[in-house]
C-alpha atoms as a PDB file:
ATOM      1  CA  MET A   1     130.800  59.375 105.018  1.00  0.00           C
ATOM      2  CA  SER A   2     128.086  60.128 107.551  1.00  0.00           C
ATOM      3  CA  GLY A   3     124.688  60.704 105.871  1.00  0.00           C
ATOM      4  CA  GLY A   4     123.497  62.515 109.125  1.00  0.00           C
ATOM      5  CA  ASP A   5     123.449  66.165 110.008  1.00  0.00           C
ATOM      6  CA  PHE A   6     126.362  68.538 109.638  1.00  0.00           C
ATOM      7  CA  PHE A   7     126.677  71.137 112.466  1.00  0.00           C
ATOM      8  CA  ASP A   8     127.901  74.646 111.878  1.00  0.00           C
ATOM      9  CA  THR A   9     129.983  76.237 114.559  1.00  0.00           C
ATOM     10  CA  ASN A  10     126.968  78.242 115.965  1.00  0.00           C
ATOM     11  CA  VAL A  11     125.369  74.976 117.232  1.00  0.00           C
ATOM     12  CA  PHE A  12     128.386  74.473 119.475  1.00  0.00           C
ATOM     13  CA  ILE A  13     128.740  78.035 120.633  1.00  0.00           C
ATOM     14  CA  TYR A  14     125.108  77.960 121.838  1.00  0.00           C
ATOM     15  CA  LEU A  15     125.841  74.619 123.553  1.00  0.00           C
ATOM     16  CA  PHE A  16     128.072  76.622 126.013  1.00  0.00           C
ATOM     17  CA  ASP A  17     126.328  80.022 125.792  1.00  0.00           C
ATOM     18  CA  ASP A  18     123.791  80.360 128.501  1.00  0.00           C
ATOM     19  CA  ALA A  19     122.688  83.863 127.300  1.00  0.00           C
ATOM     20  CA  ASP A  20     119.781  82.249 125.451  1.00  0.00           C
ATOM     21  CA  ALA A  21     118.370  79.381 127.312  1.00  0.00           C
ATOM     22  CA  ARG A  22     116.117  78.197 124.444  1.00  0.00           C
ATOM     23  CA  LYS A  23     119.058  78.102 121.899  1.00  0.00           C
ATOM     24  CA  GLN A  24     121.174  76.403 124.452  1.00  0.00           C
ATOM     25  CA  ALA A  25     118.577  73.727 125.115  1.00  0.00           C
ATOM     26  CA  ILE A  26     118.217  73.096 121.398  1.00  0.00           C
ATOM     27  CA  ALA A  27     121.927  72.815 120.924  1.00  0.00           C
ATOM     28  CA  GLN A  28     122.268  70.428 123.827  1.00  0.00           C
ATOM     29  CA  SER A  29     119.529  68.220 122.498  1.00  0.00           C
ATOM     30  CA  LEU A  30     120.941  68.109 118.928  1.00  0.00           C
ATOM     31  CA  VAL A  31     124.662  67.506 120.123  1.00  0.00           C
ATOM     32  CA  SER A  32     123.720  64.887 122.821  1.00  0.00           C
ATOM     33  CA  ARG A  33     121.595  62.846 120.253  1.00  0.00           C
ATOM     34  CA  ALA A  34     124.337  63.260 117.639  1.00  0.00           C
ATOM     35  CA  LEU A  35     126.937  61.959 120.018  1.00  0.00           C
ATOM     36  CA  ALA A  36     124.779  59.046 121.019  1.00  0.00           C
ATOM     37  CA  ALA A  37     123.947  58.057 117.512  1.00  0.00           C
ATOM     38  CA  GLY A  38     127.405  58.760 116.134  1.00  0.00           C
ATOM     39  CA  ASP A  39     125.775  59.816 112.773  1.00  0.00           C
ATOM     40  CA  ALA A  40     126.479  63.592 112.633  1.00  0.00           C
ATOM     41  CA  ALA A  41     129.555  65.381 111.216  1.00  0.00           C
ATOM     42  CA  ILE A  42     131.703  68.436 111.653  1.00  0.00           C
ATOM     43  CA  SER A  43     134.840  69.704 109.842  1.00  0.00           C
ATOM     44  CA  PHE A  44     138.241  71.015 111.012  1.00  0.00           C
ATOM     45  CA  GLN A  45     136.824  74.530 110.471  1.00  0.00           C
ATOM     46  CA  VAL A  46     134.060  73.877 113.131  1.00  0.00           C
ATOM     47  CA  VAL A  47     136.671  72.606 115.427  1.00  0.00           C
ATOM     48  CA  GLN A  48     138.904  75.670 114.939  1.00  0.00           C
ATOM     49  CA  GLU A  49     136.226  78.177 115.152  1.00  0.00           C
ATOM     50  CA  THR A  50     134.552  76.676 118.063  1.00  0.00           C
ATOM     51  CA  LEU A  51     137.727  76.562 120.139  1.00  0.00           C
ATOM     52  CA  HIS A  52     138.785  80.037 119.018  1.00  0.00           C
ATOM     53  CA  VAL A  53     135.338  81.596 120.209  1.00  0.00           C
ATOM     54  CA  LEU A  54     135.348  79.685 123.537  1.00  0.00           C
ATOM     55  CA  THR A  55     138.795  80.537 124.364  1.00  0.00           C
ATOM     56  CA  ARG A  56     139.270  84.118 123.026  1.00  0.00           C
ATOM     57  CA  LYS A  57     136.030  85.731 122.119  1.00  0.00           C
ATOM     58  CA  PHE A  58     133.426  84.215 124.548  1.00  0.00           C
ATOM     59  CA  THR A  59     132.145  86.513 127.238  1.00  0.00           C
ATOM     60  CA  ARG A  60     133.241  83.950 129.920  1.00  0.00           C
ATOM     61  CA  GLN A  61     136.384  82.461 128.212  1.00  0.00           C
ATOM     62  CA  VAL A  62     137.011  78.804 128.925  1.00  0.00           C
ATOM     63  CA  THR A  63     140.266  77.622 130.232  1.00  0.00           C
ATOM     64  CA  PRO A  64     142.646  75.552 128.148  1.00  0.00           C
ATOM     65  CA  GLU A  65     141.709  72.502 130.372  1.00  0.00           C
ATOM     66  CA  VAL A  66     138.055  73.049 129.765  1.00  0.00           C
ATOM     67  CA  ALA A  67     138.690  73.556 125.948  1.00  0.00           C
ATOM     68  CA  ALA A  68     140.520  70.240 125.876  1.00  0.00           C
ATOM     69  CA  GLN A  69     137.629  68.503 127.558  1.00  0.00           C
ATOM     70  CA  ILE A  70     135.132  70.072 124.928  1.00  0.00           C
ATOM     71  CA  LEU A  71     137.536  69.062 122.137  1.00  0.00           C
ATOM     72  CA  GLN A  72     137.727  65.478 123.515  1.00  0.00           C
ATOM     73  CA  ASN A  73     134.006  64.983 124.421  1.00  0.00           C
ATOM     74  CA  SER A  74     132.116  67.043 121.945  1.00  0.00           C
ATOM     75  CA  LEU A  75     134.230  67.922 118.943  1.00  0.00           C
ATOM     76  CA  LEU A  76     136.484  65.029 118.197  1.00  0.00           C
ATOM     77  CA  PRO A  77     133.716  62.359 118.084  1.00  0.00           C
ATOM     78  CA  LEU A  78     131.941  64.171 115.400  1.00  0.00           C
ATOM     79  CA  TRP A  79     134.914  65.393 113.378  1.00  0.00           C
ATOM     80  CA  ARG A  80     134.626  63.821 109.926  1.00  0.00           C
ATOM     81  CA  VAL A  81     135.998  66.357 107.375  1.00  0.00           C
ATOM     82  CA  GLN A  82     139.716  67.197 106.993  1.00  0.00           C
ATOM     83  CA  PRO A  83     141.121  69.952 104.726  1.00  0.00           C
ATOM     84  CA  SER A  84     142.146  68.882 101.206  1.00  0.00           C
ATOM     85  CA  PRO A  85     142.753  70.571  97.819  1.00  0.00           C
ATOM     86  CA  ALA A  86     139.438  69.039  96.565  1.00  0.00           C
ATOM     87  CA  LEU A  87     137.564  70.604  99.413  1.00  0.00           C
ATOM     88  CA  TYR A  88     138.999  73.978  98.765  1.00  0.00           C
ATOM     89  CA  ALA A  89     138.224  73.663  95.090  1.00  0.00           C
ATOM     90  CA  ARG A  90     134.676  72.769  95.898  1.00  0.00           C
ATOM     91  CA  ALA A  91     134.311  75.749  98.278  1.00  0.00           C
ATOM     92  CA  LEU A  92     135.577  78.108  95.738  1.00  0.00           C
ATOM     93  CA  ALA A  93     133.222  76.717  93.108  1.00  0.00           C
ATOM     94  CA  LEU A  94     130.264  77.009  95.546  1.00  0.00           C
ATOM     95  CA  GLN A  95     131.345  80.569  96.379  1.00  0.00           C
ATOM     96  CA  GLU A  96     131.205  81.510  92.709  1.00  0.00           C
ATOM     97  CA  ARG A  97     127.913  79.809  92.031  1.00  0.00           C
ATOM     98  CA  TYR A  98     126.043  81.002  95.077  1.00  0.00           C
ATOM     99  CA  ALA A  99     127.912  84.161  96.126  1.00  0.00           C
ATOM    100  CA  PHE A 100     128.369  82.902  99.683  1.00  0.00           C
ATOM    101  CA  SER A 101     131.411  84.062 101.718  1.00  0.00           C
ATOM    102  CA  PHE A 102     134.411  81.680 101.284  1.00  0.00           C
ATOM    103  CA  TYR A 103     133.982  80.469 104.898  1.00  0.00           C
ATOM    104  CA  ASP A 104     130.297  79.611 104.388  1.00  0.00           C
ATOM    105  CA  SER A 105     131.097  77.843 101.192  1.00  0.00           C
ATOM    106  CA  LEU A 106     133.859  75.807 103.011  1.00  0.00           C
ATOM    107  CA  ILE A 107     131.162  74.764 105.624  1.00  0.00           C
ATOM    108  CA  ILE A 108     128.806  73.701 102.692  1.00  0.00           C
ATOM    109  CA  ALA A 109     131.526  71.883 100.853  1.00  0.00           C
ATOM    110  CA  ALA A 110     132.437  70.090 104.056  1.00  0.00           C
ATOM    111  CA  ALA A 111     128.827  69.113 104.647  1.00  0.00           C
ATOM    112  CA  LEU A 112     128.595  67.802 101.088  1.00  0.00           C
ATOM    113  CA  GLU A 113     131.935  65.918 101.439  1.00  0.00           C
ATOM    114  CA  ALA A 114     130.550  64.315 104.618  1.00  0.00           C
ATOM    115  CA  GLY A 115     127.448  63.134 102.801  1.00  0.00           C
ATOM    116  CA  SER A 116     125.208  64.982 105.063  1.00  0.00           C
ATOM    117  CA  GLN A 117     121.532  65.438 104.147  1.00  0.00           C
ATOM    118  CA  ARG A 118     121.100  68.710 106.388  1.00  0.00           C
ATOM    119  CA  LEU A 119     123.324  71.559 107.291  1.00  0.00           C
ATOM    120  CA  LEU A 120     122.333  72.905 110.691  1.00  0.00           C
ATOM    121  CA  THR A 121     123.183  76.470 110.849  1.00  0.00           C
ATOM    122  CA  GLU A 122     121.665  79.910 111.452  1.00  0.00           C
ATOM    123  CA  ASP A 123     123.980  81.718 109.196  1.00  0.00           C
ATOM    124  CA  LEU A 124     122.525  80.834 105.808  1.00  0.00           C
ATOM    125  CA  HIS A 125     119.061  80.816 104.112  1.00  0.00           C
ATOM    126  CA  ASN A 126     116.760  78.367 105.842  1.00  0.00           C
ATOM    127  CA  GLY A 127     115.454  75.668 103.478  1.00  0.00           C
ATOM    128  CA  GLN A 128     117.827  76.370 100.573  1.00  0.00           C
ATOM    129  CA  GLN A 129     118.966  73.276  98.887  1.00  0.00           C
ATOM    130  CA  ILE A 130     122.428  72.853  97.434  1.00  0.00           C
ATOM    131  CA  ASP A 131     123.478  69.649  95.498  1.00  0.00           C
ATOM    132  CA  GLY A 132     121.112  67.471  97.704  1.00  0.00           C
ATOM    133  CA  LEU A 133     122.037  69.230 100.959  1.00  0.00           C
ATOM    134  CA  THR A 134     119.312  71.163 102.656  1.00  0.00           C
ATOM    135  CA  ILE A 135     120.089  74.125 104.976  1.00  0.00           C
ATOM    136  CA  HIS A 136     118.006  74.143 108.184  1.00  0.00           C
ATOM    137  CA  ASN A 137     118.196  76.726 111.030  1.00  0.00           C
ATOM    138  CA  PRO A 138     117.520  74.513 114.136  1.00  0.00           C
ATOM    139  CA  PHE A 139     116.820  77.678 116.168  1.00  0.00           C
ATOM    140  CA  THR A 140     113.437  78.519 114.385  1.00  0.00           C
ATOM    141  CA  ASP A 141     110.136  77.510 115.619  1.00  0.00           C
ATOM    142  CA  SER A 142     109.546  75.564 112.352  1.00  0.00           C
ATOM    143  CA  PHE A 143     112.553  73.181 112.793  1.00  0.00           C
ATOM    144  CA  THR A 144     111.819  69.533 113.381  1.00  0.00           C
ATOM    145  CA  ASP A 145     114.494  67.152 114.584  1.00  0.00           C
END
């Protein structure tokens, strides 16, 4: 599908969270570049988690109108992976093989389905490789875009 980066939910959360200016700036740069190039990917899971956090768990919850704008302008243009029986089966196999949580396994399975080379997340082991996918934490000092 994309071949570009796959973004985990935390990249989008930092995009709208001004509690850490450095992480917010990194997220803004990554998402802006991805939207301009059109080469990154996210899954339905990232869309759901982002909207849930922003509208229910965020310190300053966004309104439904703002959430709709975020969906339209930031999430929908990158949404490449839909749920499918094959995606869930792959996630379960990854969970068994690597002992990740199911939801982390589902993110990895979606990144693999998208054909991404890198999964950008701070939730998994930086530098780990899984079936040709490399996990990168974009919020570390050693990350190169």
